[in-house]
Protein backbone atom coordinates (compact mmCIF):
# COMPACT_ATOMS: atom_id res chain seq x y z
CA MET A 1 167.71 -30.20 166.80
CA ALA A 2 168.36 -27.48 164.01
CA MET A 3 167.85 -24.02 165.13
CA VAL A 4 165.32 -21.40 162.94
CA VAL A 5 167.55 -18.47 162.88
CA GLY A 6 164.90 -14.86 162.32
CA PRO A 7 165.91 -12.20 160.81
CA GLN A 8 168.81 -10.79 162.78
CA PRO A 9 168.51 -6.73 164.34
CA GLY A 10 170.25 -4.59 162.07
CA ARG A 11 170.00 -6.21 158.65
CA GLY A 12 168.47 -5.23 155.78
CA PRO A 13 165.88 -6.67 153.06
CA PRO A 14 168.23 -8.97 150.18
CA ARG A 15 170.09 -6.99 147.32
CA LEU A 16 167.11 -8.42 144.52
CA LEU A 17 164.88 -7.15 146.71
CA CYS A 18 166.18 -3.63 146.24
CA LEU A 19 167.15 -3.34 143.11
CA LEU A 20 163.67 -5.09 142.33
CA MET A 21 162.34 -1.83 144.02
CA LEU A 22 164.64 0.78 142.76
CA VAL A 23 163.59 -0.49 139.29
CA VAL A 24 159.89 -0.09 140.54
CA ILE A 25 160.86 3.61 141.79
CA ALA A 26 162.70 4.43 138.79
CA ILE A 27 159.63 3.72 135.87
CA ALA A 28 157.55 4.84 138.06
CA SER A 29 158.82 8.07 138.08
CA PHE A 30 160.41 8.15 134.84
CA VAL A 31 156.42 7.29 133.46
CA SER A 32 155.49 10.62 135.30
CA ILE A 33 157.84 12.87 134.61
CA PHE A 34 157.37 11.54 130.45
CA THR A 35 153.85 12.16 131.15
CA GLN A 36 154.03 15.55 133.21
CA ILE A 37 156.51 17.68 130.56
CA PHE A 38 154.72 16.62 127.53
CA GLY A 39 150.78 16.51 128.74
CA ASP A 40 152.10 20.12 129.19
CA ARG A 41 153.96 20.91 126.02
CA GLY A 42 151.25 19.52 124.05
CA SER A 43 148.89 21.89 125.86
CA GLY A 44 151.23 24.79 126.31
CA LEU A 45 151.58 24.68 122.29
CA GLN A 46 148.03 24.65 121.63
CA ARG A 47 147.32 27.38 124.42
CA ARG A 48 149.86 29.66 122.11
CA GLU A 49 148.76 28.27 119.03
CA GLU A 50 145.11 30.05 120.44
CA SER A 51 146.58 33.04 121.53
CA LEU A 52 148.72 33.74 118.46
CA GLY A 53 145.42 32.83 116.16
CA SER A 54 143.53 35.29 118.20
CA TRP A 55 143.27 38.48 118.93
CA THR A 56 143.32 38.64 122.44
CA ARG A 57 143.02 41.79 123.59
CA PRO A 58 140.35 44.15 124.38
CA VAL A 59 138.37 45.50 121.34
CA SER A 60 135.40 47.41 120.06
CA GLU A 61 132.34 45.94 118.24
CA ALA A 62 133.31 48.45 114.91
CA GLU A 63 137.30 46.86 115.63
CA SER A 64 136.26 43.30 116.29
CA GLY A 65 134.02 43.41 113.02
CA ARG A 66 137.11 45.14 110.92
CA GLU A 67 139.40 42.43 112.15
CA GLN A 68 137.04 39.35 111.14
CA GLY A 69 137.15 40.68 108.23
CA PHE A 70 140.75 40.70 107.52
CA GLN A 71 140.63 37.15 109.34
CA ASN A 72 138.56 35.66 107.34
CA GLY A 73 139.83 36.44 103.55
CA ARG A 74 139.80 39.76 102.63
CA VAL A 75 143.44 39.89 103.90
CA TRP A 76 144.17 37.44 100.71
CA ARG A 77 141.60 39.33 98.70
CA PRO A 78 143.14 41.55 95.65
CA VAL A 79 143.82 45.23 95.45
CA ASP A 80 139.86 46.73 93.70
CA ALA A 81 140.82 49.86 92.87
CA LEU A 82 144.42 48.23 90.48
CA ARG A 83 141.31 45.58 88.82
CA GLN A 84 141.01 47.71 85.52
CA LEU A 85 144.56 47.88 85.19
CA LEU A 86 145.83 45.10 82.44
CA PRO A 87 149.65 44.86 81.35
CA TYR A 88 149.79 46.90 78.05
CA ALA A 89 153.19 46.63 76.15
CA ALA A 90 152.41 46.21 72.34
CA ARG A 91 154.05 47.69 69.66
CA SER A 92 152.41 50.16 68.17
CA VAL A 93 150.93 50.88 64.04
CA SER A 94 153.92 53.00 63.35
CA TYR A 95 156.67 50.28 64.53
CA HIS A 96 158.58 48.00 61.79
CA ALA A 97 160.40 45.80 61.89
CA PRO A 98 164.33 45.59 62.14
CA VAL A 99 166.75 46.82 59.16
CA ILE A 100 169.28 43.71 57.83
CA PRO A 101 171.46 44.32 57.95
CA GLY A 102 172.58 46.30 60.49
CA ARG A 103 174.92 49.23 61.14
CA GLY A 104 176.93 46.14 62.93
CA PHE A 105 177.15 43.86 65.59
CA LEU A 106 177.26 44.12 69.40
CA PHE A 107 178.25 41.88 72.33
CA ALA A 108 178.22 42.06 75.48
CA THR A 109 179.51 41.04 79.40
CA ILE A 110 176.80 41.38 81.60
CA ARG A 111 178.14 41.43 85.88
CA GLY A 112 176.43 41.67 88.92
CA GLU A 113 173.64 40.05 90.94
CA LEU A 114 170.42 38.56 88.79
CA HIS A 115 168.47 42.46 89.77
CA GLU A 116 171.54 43.91 87.71
CA ILE A 117 172.05 40.99 84.47
CA HIS A 118 168.38 41.58 84.43
CA ALA A 119 168.30 45.23 83.68
CA ALA A 120 171.38 45.25 81.26
CA VAL A 121 170.23 43.00 79.21
CA CYS A 122 167.02 44.70 78.78
CA ASP A 123 169.13 47.84 78.44
CA PHE A 124 171.09 46.00 75.65
CA VAL A 125 167.85 45.28 73.69
CA VAL A 126 167.21 48.63 73.62
CA ILE A 127 170.70 49.58 72.53
CA ALA A 128 170.56 47.76 70.38
CA ARG A 129 167.16 48.76 68.74
CA LEU A 130 168.18 52.45 68.93
CA LEU A 131 171.59 51.97 66.85
CA ASN A 132 170.15 50.19 64.05
CA ALA A 133 172.88 46.41 65.17
CA THR A 134 172.44 43.08 65.78
CA ILE A 135 172.90 41.59 69.12
CA VAL A 136 175.49 38.87 69.75
CA LEU A 137 174.07 36.32 73.05
CA PRO A 138 175.46 38.70 76.28
CA LYS A 139 177.91 36.62 78.82
CA ILE A 140 176.51 36.82 81.78
CA GLN A 141 179.02 36.34 85.30
CA GLY A 142 177.67 36.95 89.09
CA ILE A 143 179.81 39.14 90.98
CA VAL A 144 182.53 38.67 93.58
CA SER A 145 182.19 39.26 96.97
CA VAL A 146 183.79 39.45 100.23
CA LYS A 147 181.34 36.85 101.86
CA GLY A 148 180.68 34.18 98.83
CA GLY A 149 182.93 32.21 96.76
CA GLY A 150 183.94 33.45 93.59
CA SER A 151 182.13 33.72 89.54
CA LYS A 152 182.91 32.62 86.06
CA VAL A 153 182.02 34.10 83.07
CA GLU A 154 178.38 32.09 81.91
CA ARG A 155 176.60 31.60 78.64
CA PHE A 156 173.56 33.60 78.51
CA SER A 157 172.04 29.89 78.41
CA TYR A 158 173.31 29.12 81.75
CA LEU A 159 170.26 31.60 83.60
CA TYR A 160 167.60 31.79 80.40
CA ASP A 161 166.10 30.33 77.73
CA GLU A 162 168.14 31.67 74.43
CA GLN A 163 166.12 30.73 71.75
CA ARG A 164 162.53 31.91 72.92
CA PHE A 165 165.33 34.99 73.45
CA ILE A 166 166.25 34.93 69.96
CA THR A 167 162.26 34.06 68.61
CA ALA A 168 160.55 36.33 70.85
CA LEU A 169 163.01 39.39 69.11
CA LYS A 170 162.94 38.98 65.75
CA ASP A 171 160.04 42.04 65.02
CA ASP A 172 162.59 44.44 67.26
CA VAL A 173 166.35 43.00 66.43
CA ARG A 174 168.23 40.87 65.38
CA VAL A 175 170.03 37.80 67.38
CA VAL A 176 173.02 36.07 66.45
CA LYS A 177 174.41 32.99 68.96
CA ARG A 178 178.07 34.07 68.30
CA LEU A 179 180.13 36.52 66.55
CA PRO A 180 180.78 36.31 62.94
CA LYS A 181 183.87 34.39 62.15
CA LYS A 182 185.94 37.35 60.02
CA PHE A 183 184.93 39.30 63.75
CA ARG A 184 187.46 36.46 65.58
CA THR A 185 190.24 36.69 64.18
CA ARG A 186 193.19 38.03 66.58
CA ALA A 187 193.71 40.73 64.76
CA SER A 188 190.29 41.78 64.02
CA LEU A 189 189.82 41.14 68.08
CA GLN A 190 192.31 43.32 68.90
CA LYS A 191 191.21 46.66 66.56
CA GLN A 192 187.72 46.45 68.15
CA SER A 193 186.13 49.14 70.85
CA VAL A 194 185.09 48.05 73.77
CA LYS A 195 183.30 50.51 76.12
CA THR A 196 181.98 50.60 79.48
CA PRO A 197 179.29 52.30 79.60
CA ALA A 198 177.52 54.02 83.68
CA ARG A 199 174.90 52.45 84.80
CA LEU A 200 172.64 55.24 83.43
CA SER A 201 174.37 56.64 80.13
CA SER A 202 172.31 58.93 78.35
CA VAL A 203 170.91 57.97 74.38
CA HIS A 204 174.27 60.86 73.41
CA PHE A 205 176.44 58.60 74.66
CA TYR A 206 175.35 55.77 72.37
CA LEU A 207 174.92 58.06 68.97
CA ASP A 208 177.96 59.58 70.05
CA GLU A 209 180.61 57.36 71.51
CA VAL A 210 179.65 53.63 70.85
CA LEU A 211 177.73 54.33 66.50
CA PRO A 212 180.84 55.66 65.14
CA ALA A 213 182.69 52.67 66.85
CA LEU A 214 180.51 50.69 66.02
CA THR A 215 180.21 51.61 61.91
CA THR A 216 184.28 51.86 61.22
CA HIS A 217 184.79 48.36 62.70
CA GLY A 218 181.40 46.41 61.96
CA ALA A 219 181.52 45.52 65.72
CA CYS A 220 181.85 47.05 69.35
CA GLY A 221 182.04 45.24 72.89
CA LEU A 222 180.08 46.51 75.96
CA VAL A 223 180.66 45.99 79.72
CA PHE A 224 177.70 46.26 81.92
CA SER A 225 178.87 46.49 85.20
CA ASP A 226 177.21 48.21 87.86
CA GLY A 227 173.34 46.44 87.05
CA GLY A 228 172.29 49.01 83.65
CA GLY A 229 173.90 50.92 80.46
CA LEU A 230 171.19 53.48 80.03
CA GLN A 231 169.50 55.89 81.81
CA SER A 232 165.86 55.23 82.87
CA LEU A 233 164.08 58.03 82.08
CA LEU A 234 163.48 58.32 78.94
CA PRO A 235 161.78 61.84 76.42
CA PRO A 236 158.44 61.03 75.93
CA GLU A 237 159.06 60.10 71.48
CA LEU A 238 160.93 57.16 72.93
CA VAL A 239 157.84 55.58 74.75
CA GLU A 240 158.29 52.61 71.71
CA TYR A 241 161.77 51.75 74.31
CA GLN A 242 160.71 51.80 77.26
CA ARG A 243 157.88 49.51 75.89
CA LEU A 244 160.51 47.51 74.47
CA ARG A 245 161.96 47.26 77.62
CA CYS A 246 159.27 45.84 79.33
CA ARG A 247 158.74 43.36 76.67
CA VAL A 248 161.70 41.70 77.27
CA ALA A 249 161.56 42.45 80.71
CA PHE A 250 158.68 40.41 81.65
CA HIS A 251 157.76 38.24 78.05
CA VAL A 252 160.86 37.32 76.55
CA LEU A 253 163.47 36.99 79.28
CA ARG A 254 162.40 33.61 80.75
CA PHE A 255 164.94 31.26 82.44
CA ARG A 256 165.49 27.91 81.20
CA ARG A 257 163.47 25.18 81.33
CA GLU A 258 165.00 23.48 84.08
CA ILE A 259 165.05 26.65 86.54
CA HIS A 260 161.36 27.72 85.74
CA GLU A 261 159.61 23.65 86.40
CA LEU A 262 161.05 23.39 89.75
CA GLY A 263 160.03 27.06 90.29
CA VAL A 264 156.37 25.77 89.04
CA GLN A 265 156.89 22.30 91.74
CA LEU A 266 157.91 25.01 94.51
CA VAL A 267 154.69 27.25 93.86
CA ARG A 268 152.81 23.83 93.47
CA ARG A 269 154.04 22.75 97.17
CA LEU A 270 153.58 26.09 98.85
CA GLU A 271 150.09 25.98 97.81
CA ALA A 272 149.40 22.11 98.24
CA HIS A 273 147.50 22.60 100.58
CA GLY A 274 144.88 24.81 98.95
CA ARG A 275 145.89 28.51 100.48
CA PRO A 276 148.28 31.45 99.12
CA TYR A 277 151.02 32.13 100.27
CA VAL A 278 153.57 35.54 101.52
CA VAL A 279 156.91 35.95 100.11
CA VAL A 280 158.64 37.58 102.36
CA HIS A 281 161.91 39.13 101.17
CA PHE A 282 164.28 40.35 104.26
CA GLY A 283 167.51 42.01 102.21
CA LEU A 284 169.28 41.14 105.24
CA GLU A 285 172.51 40.80 103.24
CA ARG A 286 175.97 41.55 104.42
CA ASP A 287 176.94 43.84 102.61
CA VAL A 288 173.84 45.97 102.38
CA LEU A 289 173.73 46.17 105.73
CA ALA A 290 177.47 47.87 105.72
CA HIS A 291 176.99 49.69 102.59
CA TYR A 292 173.94 51.50 104.49
CA GLY A 293 175.45 51.64 108.19
CA CYS A 294 172.68 48.47 110.09
CA ALA A 295 175.43 47.17 111.91
CA GLU A 296 174.32 48.62 115.19
CA LEU A 297 170.75 46.59 114.89
CA PHE A 298 172.52 43.30 115.53
CA GLN A 299 174.31 41.31 118.60
CA ASP A 300 177.74 41.68 119.22
CA LEU A 301 179.19 39.61 116.26
CA GLN A 302 177.33 40.49 113.79
CA THR A 303 178.12 43.62 114.93
CA GLU A 304 181.49 43.58 114.68
CA SER A 305 181.00 41.42 111.12
CA ILE A 306 179.30 44.21 108.92
CA GLN A 307 181.41 46.79 110.63
CA SER A 308 184.29 44.36 108.53
CA GLN A 309 182.67 44.88 105.67
CA ARG A 310 182.21 48.54 105.56
CA LYS A 311 185.86 48.47 106.75
CA GLN A 312 186.90 47.21 103.49
CA MET A 313 184.67 48.86 101.59
CA LEU A 314 186.68 52.18 103.25
CA SER A 315 189.55 50.96 102.26
CA MET A 316 188.35 50.15 98.43
CA GLY A 317 187.99 53.67 98.78
CA LYS A 318 184.36 53.48 97.52
CA ASP A 319 182.20 56.46 97.81
CA GLU A 320 179.00 55.82 99.09
CA VAL A 321 181.25 54.72 101.86
CA SER A 322 182.70 57.63 103.97
CA ASP A 323 182.65 56.86 107.86
CA LEU A 324 183.12 53.82 109.02
CA GLN A 325 180.99 54.22 112.71
CA ILE A 326 177.80 55.61 111.74
CA ASP A 327 174.40 55.78 114.55
CA SER A 328 171.91 52.43 112.70
CA GLN A 329 169.08 53.78 114.26
CA LYS A 330 169.17 57.39 112.93
CA GLN A 331 169.55 54.87 109.67
CA ARG A 332 166.44 52.99 111.18
CA ARG A 333 164.59 55.77 111.69
CA SER A 334 164.65 57.33 107.97
CA GLY A 335 164.32 54.43 106.23
CA LEU A 336 167.72 52.90 104.94
CA CYS A 337 167.95 49.85 107.41
CA PRO A 338 165.89 46.40 106.62
CA LEU A 339 163.11 45.38 108.45
CA MET A 340 163.86 43.13 111.04
CA PRO A 341 161.96 39.79 111.14
CA ALA A 342 160.29 40.24 114.07
CA GLU A 343 159.04 43.99 112.92
CA VAL A 344 157.89 42.05 110.09
CA GLY A 345 155.78 39.51 112.43
CA ILE A 346 154.33 42.22 113.51
CA LEU A 347 152.97 43.79 110.58
CA LEU A 348 151.93 40.79 109.25
CA GLU A 349 149.76 39.63 112.29
CA SER A 350 148.53 43.55 113.26
CA PHE A 351 147.36 42.97 109.38
CA GLY A 352 146.06 40.29 109.77
CA PHE A 353 147.45 37.53 108.58
CA ARG A 354 146.82 34.04 110.69
CA ASN A 355 149.32 32.04 112.95
CA ASP A 356 149.48 29.28 110.28
CA THR A 357 150.12 31.36 107.04
CA ARG A 358 152.67 30.03 105.05
CA ILE A 359 155.70 32.42 104.63
CA TYR A 360 158.69 31.55 101.81
CA MET A 361 161.52 33.67 102.72
CA THR A 362 163.70 35.11 99.85
CA GLY A 363 167.61 36.67 99.68
CA THR A 364 171.18 35.22 99.53
CA GLU A 365 171.71 35.72 102.70
CA ILE A 366 170.57 36.35 106.45
CA THR A 367 172.60 37.62 108.04
CA GLY A 368 171.91 36.28 111.87
CA GLY A 369 170.80 33.02 110.71
CA GLN A 370 167.89 31.33 112.26
CA ARG A 371 168.57 32.97 115.13
CA ILE A 372 166.99 36.35 114.29
CA LEU A 373 164.69 34.82 112.58
CA LEU A 374 163.27 32.70 116.25
CA PRO A 375 160.64 36.01 117.16
CA LEU A 376 158.92 35.69 113.36
CA ARG A 377 158.84 31.63 113.62
CA SER A 378 157.50 32.14 117.18
CA MET A 379 154.96 34.68 115.40
CA TYR A 380 154.57 32.28 112.44
CA ALA A 381 155.63 29.05 112.55
CA ASN A 382 155.37 27.49 108.88
CA LEU A 383 158.87 29.90 107.44
CA ASP A 384 160.08 28.14 104.27
CA ASP A 385 163.08 29.01 101.69
CA ARG A 386 164.18 27.06 99.12
CA PHE A 387 166.31 25.05 101.45
CA THR A 388 162.87 23.35 102.82
CA MET A 389 160.77 23.83 100.17
CA SER A 390 163.03 21.54 97.67
CA THR A 391 165.41 18.86 97.97
CA LEU A 392 169.76 18.87 97.66
CA GLN A 393 169.57 16.88 94.12
CA GLU A 394 166.64 19.13 92.41
CA ARG A 395 169.03 21.50 93.38
CA SER A 396 171.70 20.68 91.78
CA SER A 397 169.79 19.32 88.54
CA LEU A 398 170.46 23.29 87.57
CA HIS A 399 173.83 23.58 88.60
CA GLY A 400 175.33 19.79 88.77
CA PRO A 401 177.45 18.53 91.39
CA LEU A 402 179.38 20.94 94.01
CA GLN A 403 182.94 21.06 92.90
CA GLN A 404 185.21 20.01 95.45
CA LYS A 405 188.23 22.23 95.92
CA ALA A 406 191.40 20.18 94.77
CA PRO A 407 193.64 19.04 97.31
CA ARG A 408 196.65 22.13 98.10
CA LYS A 409 199.85 20.89 96.70
CA PHE A 410 203.09 20.32 98.61
CA SER A 411 204.53 22.97 97.01
CA ASP A 412 202.01 25.63 96.87
CA THR A 413 201.46 24.33 101.00
CA LEU A 414 205.48 25.09 101.46
CA ASN A 415 205.57 28.43 99.62
CA ARG A 416 202.81 29.49 102.20
CA LEU A 417 204.82 28.12 105.69
CA ILE A 418 207.23 30.12 104.42
CA PHE A 419 205.27 33.30 103.22
CA TRP A 420 203.97 33.35 106.63
CA ARG A 421 207.19 33.11 108.36
CA ARG A 422 208.34 36.33 107.05
CA ASN A 423 205.32 38.21 107.32
CA GLY A 424 203.28 36.33 110.01
CA SER A 425 200.73 33.78 110.13
CA PRO A 426 197.40 35.45 109.19
CA THR A 427 195.26 36.43 112.36
CA PRO A 428 190.72 35.18 112.25
CA HIS A 429 190.65 38.68 111.18
CA SER A 430 192.63 38.30 107.96
CA LYS A 431 191.24 35.37 106.47
CA THR A 432 190.56 35.17 103.22
CA SER A 433 189.57 32.03 101.92
CA SER A 434 186.18 32.10 102.93
CA PRO A 435 185.20 35.10 105.35
CA LYS A 436 181.72 34.47 105.33
CA GLY A 437 182.89 31.11 107.03
CA TRP A 438 184.73 32.81 109.68
CA TRP A 439 181.94 34.72 110.82
CA ARG A 440 179.14 31.81 110.74
CA SER A 441 181.30 29.51 112.24
CA VAL A 442 181.79 31.30 115.15
CA GLY A 443 178.71 31.67 118.39
CA GLU A 444 176.06 30.92 114.95
CA CYS A 445 175.41 27.31 115.45
CA GLU A 446 172.48 25.59 117.13
CA TYR A 447 173.50 23.51 119.34
CA ASP A 448 175.99 22.06 118.13
CA THR A 449 174.97 21.40 114.91
CA GLU A 450 175.93 22.19 111.31
CA ASN A 451 172.06 23.55 110.52
CA TYR A 452 171.13 26.07 111.92
CA PHE A 453 171.79 28.39 108.86
CA THR A 454 170.06 26.63 106.22
CA SER A 455 168.36 29.64 105.12
CA THR A 456 171.52 31.50 104.33
CA PRO A 457 174.12 29.83 101.47
CA VAL A 458 175.47 27.28 101.73
CA GLU A 459 179.28 27.44 102.60
CA GLY A 460 182.06 28.03 99.95
CA GLU A 461 178.88 28.63 97.44
CA SER A 462 179.61 30.43 94.34
CA LYS A 463 177.76 33.45 93.12
CA ASP A 464 176.79 31.07 89.88
CA ILE A 465 174.55 28.85 91.83
CA GLN A 466 173.35 31.86 94.20
CA LEU A 467 172.06 33.41 90.84
CA LEU A 468 170.33 30.13 90.28
CA HIS A 469 168.76 30.01 93.15
CA ALA A 470 167.30 33.76 93.00
CA ALA A 471 166.20 33.10 89.23
CA LEU A 472 163.47 30.17 91.83
CA ASP A 473 162.95 32.92 94.21
CA TYR A 474 162.11 34.99 91.66
CA VAL A 475 159.24 32.51 90.08
CA VAL A 476 158.18 31.58 93.64
CA SER A 477 157.74 35.73 93.96
CA LEU A 478 155.65 36.72 91.58
CA GLU A 479 153.24 33.63 92.00
CA ALA A 480 152.81 34.82 95.43
CA ASN A 481 149.16 36.30 96.62
CA THR A 482 150.87 38.52 98.66
CA TYR A 483 154.36 40.03 98.87
CA PHE A 484 155.84 41.94 101.33
CA PRO A 485 159.27 43.32 101.31
CA ALA A 486 161.61 44.09 104.24
CA PHE A 487 164.16 46.26 101.89
CA ASP A 488 164.49 47.08 97.95
CA ARG A 489 167.90 48.38 97.91
CA ASP A 490 170.66 46.90 96.59
CA ARG A 491 174.51 47.12 97.66
CA HIS A 492 175.46 50.00 95.84
CA GLY A 493 172.42 52.07 96.44
CA PHE A 494 169.91 51.59 94.49
CA PRO A 495 166.92 49.18 93.60
CA ASN A 496 167.62 45.16 94.43
CA ILE A 497 165.98 42.59 93.18
CA ALA A 498 162.35 42.62 95.47
CA SER A 499 162.18 46.62 93.42
CA LEU A 500 162.56 44.11 90.09
CA ILE A 501 159.92 42.29 91.38
CA MET A 502 157.10 44.52 92.27
CA GLY A 503 157.89 46.21 88.59
CA HIS A 504 157.44 43.01 87.42
CA ARG A 505 154.24 42.11 89.13
CA LEU A 506 152.97 45.75 88.79
CA TYR A 507 152.75 45.42 85.06
CA GLN A 508 151.67 41.35 85.01
CA SER A 509 149.19 41.35 88.00
CA ALA A 510 148.95 44.91 89.83
CA SER A 511 145.54 43.75 91.97
CA LEU A 512 147.98 41.39 93.95
CA LYS A 513 149.52 42.10 97.20
CA THR A 514 152.19 43.84 96.45
CA PHE A 515 153.19 46.07 99.55
CA ARG A 516 155.57 49.05 98.85
CA LEU A 517 156.80 50.50 102.46
CA ASN A 518 157.50 53.65 103.77
CA ARG A 519 160.39 52.28 105.92
CA SER A 520 160.72 55.62 107.97
CA ALA A 521 157.06 55.34 108.85
CA VAL A 522 156.68 52.15 109.72
CA ALA A 523 159.20 53.14 111.69
CA THR A 524 157.55 55.54 114.17
CA PHE A 525 155.11 53.47 113.87
CA LEU A 526 156.62 50.74 115.78
CA ASP A 527 158.37 52.95 117.73
CA GLU A 528 155.31 54.33 119.06
CA CYS A 529 153.79 50.67 119.26
CA PRO A 530 151.72 50.33 122.70
CA HIS A 531 151.47 47.47 124.57
CA GLU A 532 149.27 44.96 123.39
CA HIS A 533 147.22 45.08 126.84
CA SER A 534 147.20 48.63 126.92
CA HIS A 535 143.67 50.58 126.53
CA ASN A 536 145.64 52.46 122.99
CA TRP A 537 146.17 49.12 121.10
CA SER A 538 143.10 49.08 119.08
CA THR A 539 143.95 52.80 117.53
CA TRP A 540 147.68 51.58 116.79
CA VAL A 541 146.67 48.22 115.07
CA LEU A 542 143.48 50.37 112.93
CA SER A 543 146.75 52.88 112.40
CA VAL A 544 148.88 50.42 111.35
CA GLN A 545 146.02 48.75 108.63
CA LYS A 546 145.05 51.27 107.00
CA PHE A 547 148.56 52.32 106.43
CA LEU A 548 149.57 49.29 104.98
CA LEU A 549 146.34 49.37 103.08
CA ASP A 550 147.68 52.23 101.61
CA SER A 551 151.46 50.94 100.82
CA LEU A 552 149.43 48.52 98.11
CA GLN A 553 148.87 51.32 96.15
CA PRO A 554 151.29 51.92 92.98
CA HIS A 555 151.84 55.66 93.14
CA SER A 556 153.36 54.35 97.04
CA ALA A 557 156.77 55.38 97.31
CA PRO A 558 158.80 52.66 98.39
CA GLY A 559 161.69 52.95 101.18
CA SER A 560 162.28 56.24 102.81
CA ALA A 561 160.24 59.26 101.73
CA GLY A 562 159.70 60.89 97.85
CA LEU A 563 157.81 60.46 95.10
CA HIS A 564 157.70 57.04 93.35
CA ASN A 565 159.37 58.75 90.15
CA HIS A 566 162.59 58.51 92.40
CA VAL A 567 162.71 55.42 92.50
CA LYS A 568 161.75 55.06 88.76
CA SER A 569 165.03 57.19 87.75
CA GLU A 570 166.83 54.78 89.32
CA MET A 571 164.79 51.36 87.49
CA PHE A 572 162.46 51.37 85.08
CA LEU A 573 161.29 48.24 85.64
CA ALA A 574 160.53 49.04 88.87
CA HIS A 575 157.85 50.89 88.46
CA PRO A 576 156.45 50.78 84.89
CA LEU A 577 153.50 52.99 84.91
CA PRO A 578 152.59 54.76 83.12
CA GLU A 579 154.48 53.23 79.63
CA CYS A 580 153.39 49.31 80.38
CA ALA A 581 149.58 49.39 81.46
CA CYS A 582 146.41 50.79 79.74
CA GLN A 583 142.83 50.53 82.15
CA THR A 584 139.79 49.33 81.69
CA GLY A 585 135.83 51.42 82.02
CA GLU A 586 136.10 54.37 82.92
CA SER A 587 139.53 57.01 82.55
CA MET A 588 140.65 57.76 85.85
CA HIS A 589 141.22 60.96 83.52
CA ASP A 590 137.56 61.50 82.49
CA ALA A 591 136.42 60.49 85.77
CA ASN A 592 136.69 63.87 87.23
CA ARG A 593 135.04 63.61 90.53
CA THR A 594 137.30 60.77 90.69
CA PHE A 595 140.68 62.50 89.53
CA GLN A 596 140.21 65.55 91.60
CA ARG A 597 140.18 63.69 95.12
CA LEU A 598 143.73 62.05 94.47
CA SER A 599 146.58 63.26 95.09
CA ALA A 600 149.43 64.22 93.63
CA ASP A 601 151.53 61.03 93.22
CA GLU A 602 147.88 59.33 92.16
CA ARG A 603 147.54 61.42 89.10
CA LEU A 604 151.38 61.00 88.27
CA VAL A 605 150.47 57.11 88.17
CA TRP A 606 147.01 57.24 86.58
CA GLU A 607 146.95 60.39 84.02
CA GLY A 608 149.34 58.74 81.46
CA VAL A 609 147.81 55.77 81.53
CA THR A 610 145.85 54.82 78.45
CA MET A 611 142.27 53.48 78.09
CA CYS A 612 143.37 49.09 76.66
CA PRO A 613 142.46 48.11 73.53
CA ALA A 614 138.51 47.27 72.83
CA TRP A 615 139.91 43.43 72.31
CA MET A 616 141.51 43.15 75.33
CA VAL A 617 138.81 45.17 77.35
CA ASN A 618 136.52 42.03 75.40
CA LYS A 619 138.21 40.01 76.33
CA HIS A 620 138.66 40.60 80.23
């Protein structure tokens, strides 16, 4: 008789049943955790967007109405007081066409960043007009910097539309594409004089030194390497030459078709949703930070990198850099350091820009990479630049595929090894093949990925390519509703590309919002910033809004302190008023009551602005 054996004490359920139970428990746990994480995340993001998009602090009724006005469209509205300013750089009745044949040929090589090349080309044309010389299309060359790749001499057409340049200047100077053959022989080239004018050379320098060489040899060369070659402020009797500067800078010089079309395409993409956008120029290039001694505003790694660059400047004997150690906070309070991205975000939010505002970032480098942008990105998620708004194929169409370095020959490697054996191998700090890459690769990548530095230059990107990318940013910046420069000085302490764009916008569309920030005053505001829930918060916000509104006026002095004329004395194109503008309606000078209320800085701008011709008034 078979016996039925029941479950014996001490034995567990079958293994299959245990495994099935474990799988069910795991699935249930996974579903629960998944729901909790993504449900909380979605609600958290929604709560955060709502808090960023509205003012959660207690405000007065008056301030509430003011903030509603800012958020509901007034932040984008043009500056009404500047609507009457129109661009005016027309030739006068007494202006005559160039005398042909002239006194000889002027040829030039222009080195620098985009703003330096742009300004130098304008000076080159004015100098040729002054000497009644024929221009040979200049060669251009990006600067060679320790933070980027090399640079080679390029044709004028690498950046600009040369046919437009030749045609548009026919009533000002004669332009040819190359020197006549008789001046290109070896014997002739040896006789020709080549001058290297200083950035702000006087008119007398060209009349006393260049003109004799030009008339003697029939041709003379110029090398511009400091961002120009003619003094910015000219005597009143030479106002026609200032207007010629404006015509060249703002009408004649146009980027070649491929650059211009891609720039326009970026503008269309930024405005795809029917909303305007803000352009922010940070000016956080490492050589600029080293020049002004702003290293201590960054974290340890960036501080060491900037200090290393400053040390190199000292070793090169640059006059503008005298001490290795400098108080960065003192520099910041003096307005001599760029605003940090977090500070830019606070100012934009205080002015009334909503958290869904689209911001386009310009500049050749952002020291600190995406990590330093995190505070701004937490306030404004829609941050874009030329890399996010265009494809690699589109950018490559401007300059062609990047040239890969040829494999090193065995003999080169052997010689290098012998050199190292005799002199010692280089330390990471003395690495010279790609200085920028070393600093980028240490502790600055996003969770072991290569994408953390998409807003900074591509590794090995040459200065020639950076010129093209700066030209793209230039086109986008001109068309922006709002332009916000966080810094307006270059590596030499002179006005930078942001200054040139501010001047171009002032000339072309003065009523569009262009902030000209006194960074010294901004530093004071930011140091006094209260907690957002304190009773002083609303007062502070109103003060910042008033300050920012005042900074939209053309008499505002960007940088630290001083009159706008100081900036103009360094780069005329950064502030081409009153020579290159006219006004419609009642003259500010004739309206005595209005004129008496103007400050000294405002009078400097407005009292020299002439009335627009009748045909311009009727057109507008």
